[in-house]
Amino acid sequence: MENIILIGMKACGKSTVGKLFAQKLGIKFIELDQEIEKAHFIDKKEKLTFREIFKKHGADFFRTLEKKVLKMIVENIKEKRIILACGGGTPLDPENQVLLRRLGKIIFLDAKEDILLPRILKHGIPAFFPYPDDPKKSLSELLEKRRPVYKTIADQIISFTSESPEELAKKII
């Protein structure tokens, strides 16, 4: 089995499903956002969540750090079997797309908008939403831009509405 990379919009379940999937297969799970937090702490001696890094330092800083961390994962992967959960914006960068393809099989978790919005808003309005006063419009526009990219680079697309994380992990397996 090759490495599995989970992509999709924020709150589609990449981390939850990825952890379950990795447990079922007995392999390592890596969450890119957590690796970004660790790298930021090492570089800046500043303990922030990935959301705080994005908010405090801006999108360009965050995306540069994200690419650096992804390159390190690809170059330093010791285990040949991992599950990697990417951030929602990771696959949008053409360089990241090349790195992700080198790493393994890419699976797009395609959740419907009405499933995503309440999950996203549970943690507040994200810094990357273009219309903070209109989260529904923000999500619609982001999905319109991102879905075609996700679909283009994905080796497999798993669309879902109300399936549990366990059911999704089974679908992937």
Protein backbone atom coordinates (compact mmCIF):
# COMPACT_ATOMS: atom_id res chain seq x y z
CA MET A 1 0.00 0.00 0.00
CA GLU A 2 1.23 3.47 -0.81
CA ASN A 3 0.90 6.58 1.33
CA ILE A 4 -2.55 8.20 1.44
CA ILE A 5 -3.02 11.96 1.29
CA LEU A 6 -6.41 13.35 2.31
CA ILE A 7 -7.45 16.66 0.77
CA GLY A 8 -10.62 18.71 0.92
CA MET A 9 -12.19 21.79 2.36
CA LYS A 10 -11.70 22.77 5.98
CA ALA A 11 -13.89 20.68 8.31
CA CYS A 12 -14.63 17.95 5.76
CA GLY A 13 -13.19 15.36 8.17
CA LYS A 14 -9.65 14.85 6.88
CA SER A 15 -8.14 14.63 10.36
CA THR A 16 -10.91 12.61 11.98
CA VAL A 17 -11.15 10.15 9.10
CA GLY A 18 -7.37 10.07 8.68
CA LYS A 19 -6.80 9.11 12.32
CA LEU A 20 -9.40 6.34 12.14
CA PHE A 21 -8.04 5.10 8.83
CA ALA A 22 -4.47 5.04 10.17
CA GLN A 23 -5.58 3.18 13.33
CA LYS A 24 -7.45 0.55 11.28
CA LEU A 25 -4.36 -0.03 9.12
CA GLY A 26 -1.85 0.30 11.98
CA ILE A 27 0.14 3.03 10.24
CA LYS A 28 1.32 6.53 11.12
CA PHE A 29 -1.01 9.54 10.85
CA ILE A 30 0.40 13.01 10.14
CA GLU A 31 -1.63 16.19 10.28
CA LEU A 32 0.04 18.91 8.24
CA ASP A 33 -1.38 21.75 10.36
CA GLN A 34 0.20 20.25 13.51
CA GLU A 35 3.53 19.90 11.73
CA ILE A 36 3.27 23.58 10.72
CA GLU A 37 2.69 24.52 14.38
CA LYS A 38 5.78 22.52 15.44
CA ALA A 39 7.95 24.08 12.72
CA HIS A 40 6.75 27.56 13.63
CA PHE A 41 7.61 26.97 17.27
CA ILE A 42 11.10 25.74 16.35
CA ASP A 43 11.69 28.69 13.98
CA LYS A 44 10.09 31.51 15.96
CA LYS A 45 9.97 30.15 19.54
CA GLU A 46 6.32 31.17 19.44
CA LYS A 47 3.63 28.61 20.38
CA LEU A 48 0.61 29.32 18.17
CA THR A 49 -2.09 27.22 16.57
CA PHE A 50 -2.12 27.09 12.77
CA ARG A 51 -5.14 29.45 12.82
CA GLU A 52 -3.22 31.94 14.98
CA ILE A 53 -0.15 31.70 12.72
CA PHE A 54 -2.32 32.49 9.68
CA LYS A 55 -4.09 35.36 11.47
CA LYS A 56 -0.98 36.91 13.02
CA HIS A 57 1.52 36.50 10.18
CA GLY A 58 -0.77 36.46 7.13
CA ALA A 59 -1.49 34.10 4.27
CA ASP A 60 1.87 34.48 2.46
CA PHE A 61 3.89 33.64 5.58
CA PHE A 62 1.62 30.69 6.35
CA ARG A 63 1.72 29.26 2.81
CA THR A 64 5.52 29.56 2.68
CA LEU A 65 5.85 27.71 5.98
CA GLU A 66 3.31 25.12 4.83
CA LYS A 67 5.32 24.42 1.65
CA LYS A 68 8.56 24.15 3.64
CA VAL A 69 6.98 21.64 6.05
CA LEU A 70 5.44 19.61 3.22
CA LYS A 71 8.83 19.41 1.48
CA MET A 72 10.40 18.19 4.73
CA ILE A 73 7.74 15.48 5.09
CA VAL A 74 8.25 14.29 1.51
CA GLU A 75 12.05 14.32 1.80
CA ASN A 76 12.29 12.80 5.28
CA ILE A 77 9.56 10.20 5.23
CA LYS A 78 11.03 7.08 6.79
CA GLU A 79 7.89 4.99 6.94
CA LYS A 80 6.57 4.02 3.57
CA ARG A 81 3.03 3.89 4.87
CA ILE A 82 1.49 7.06 6.23
CA ILE A 83 -1.79 8.91 6.12
CA LEU A 84 -1.36 12.68 5.66
CA ALA A 85 -4.21 15.11 6.29
CA CYS A 86 -3.58 18.38 4.44
CA GLY A 87 -4.92 21.81 5.17
CA GLY A 88 -7.72 22.95 2.87
CA GLY A 89 -5.47 25.35 0.98
CA THR A 90 -2.44 23.06 0.65
CA PRO A 91 -3.36 21.52 -2.73
CA LEU A 92 -4.02 24.92 -4.34
CA ASP A 93 -0.29 25.63 -4.82
CA PRO A 94 1.13 23.97 -7.97
CA GLU A 95 4.42 23.12 -6.19
CA ASN A 96 2.48 21.46 -3.37
CA GLN A 97 0.52 19.45 -5.95
CA VAL A 98 3.78 18.00 -7.29
CA LEU A 99 4.94 17.18 -3.75
CA LEU A 100 1.63 15.54 -2.85
CA ARG A 101 1.67 13.40 -6.01
CA ARG A 102 5.22 12.27 -5.19
CA LEU A 103 4.12 11.30 -1.70
CA GLY A 104 1.26 8.94 -2.57
CA LYS A 105 -2.38 8.44 -3.47
CA ILE A 106 -4.52 11.57 -3.13
CA ILE A 107 -8.09 11.19 -1.87
CA PHE A 108 -10.49 14.14 -2.01
CA LEU A 109 -13.15 14.09 0.74
CA ASP A 110 -15.92 16.04 -0.95
CA ALA A 111 -18.44 17.17 1.64
CA LYS A 112 -21.55 19.09 0.71
CA GLU A 113 -21.71 22.79 1.57
CA ASP A 114 -24.57 22.41 4.07
CA ILE A 115 -22.48 19.85 5.97
CA LEU A 116 -19.34 22.01 5.94
CA LEU A 117 -20.70 25.40 6.98
CA PRO A 118 -21.88 24.50 10.52
CA ARG A 119 -18.70 22.51 11.14
CA ILE A 120 -16.53 25.44 10.06
CA LEU A 121 -18.48 28.03 12.02
CA LYS A 122 -18.22 25.94 15.20
CA HIS A 123 -14.66 27.33 15.49
CA GLY A 124 -15.59 30.88 14.44
CA ILE A 125 -15.19 32.67 11.10
CA PRO A 126 -11.89 31.57 9.51
CA ALA A 127 -9.33 34.26 8.69
CA PHE A 128 -9.27 33.14 5.04
CA PHE A 129 -13.03 33.72 4.47
CA PRO A 130 -13.31 36.62 1.99
CA TYR A 131 -16.60 37.88 3.47
CA PRO A 132 -16.50 37.59 7.27
CA ASP A 133 -20.03 39.02 7.46
CA ASP A 134 -21.36 36.43 4.99
CA PRO A 135 -19.87 33.00 5.77
CA LYS A 136 -22.25 31.19 3.39
CA LYS A 137 -21.13 33.36 0.45
CA SER A 138 -17.49 32.92 1.51
CA LEU A 139 -17.77 29.15 1.58
CA SER A 140 -19.64 29.02 -1.74
CA GLU A 141 -16.96 31.07 -3.49
CA LEU A 142 -14.11 29.10 -1.94
CA LEU A 143 -15.69 25.79 -2.93
CA GLU A 144 -16.26 27.08 -6.46
CA LYS A 145 -12.52 27.84 -6.74
CA ARG A 146 -11.16 24.85 -4.81
CA ARG A 147 -13.34 21.91 -5.90
CA PRO A 148 -12.00 21.88 -9.49
CA VAL A 149 -8.40 21.86 -8.17
CA TYR A 150 -9.15 19.11 -5.65
CA LYS A 151 -10.86 17.02 -8.36
CA THR A 152 -8.00 17.51 -10.81
CA ILE A 153 -5.27 16.26 -8.49
CA ALA A 154 -7.28 13.55 -6.72
CA ASP A 155 -6.74 9.90 -7.54
CA GLN A 156 -10.05 9.15 -5.82
CA ILE A 157 -13.04 11.28 -4.85
CA ILE A 158 -15.28 10.33 -1.95
CA SER A 159 -18.45 12.43 -1.87
CA PHE A 160 -20.55 12.27 1.24
CA THR A 161 -23.34 13.88 3.17
CA SER A 162 -24.17 12.27 6.50
CA GLU A 163 -21.81 9.30 6.70
CA SER A 164 -19.93 8.88 9.96
CA PRO A 165 -16.12 9.10 10.04
CA GLU A 166 -16.07 5.30 10.55
CA GLU A 167 -18.16 4.78 7.40
CA LEU A 168 -15.86 7.08 5.43
CA ALA A 169 -12.76 5.26 6.66
CA LYS A 170 -14.34 1.98 5.51
CA LYS A 171 -15.12 3.52 2.11
CA ILE A 172 -11.47 4.52 1.69
CA ILE A 173 -10.21 1.09 2.73
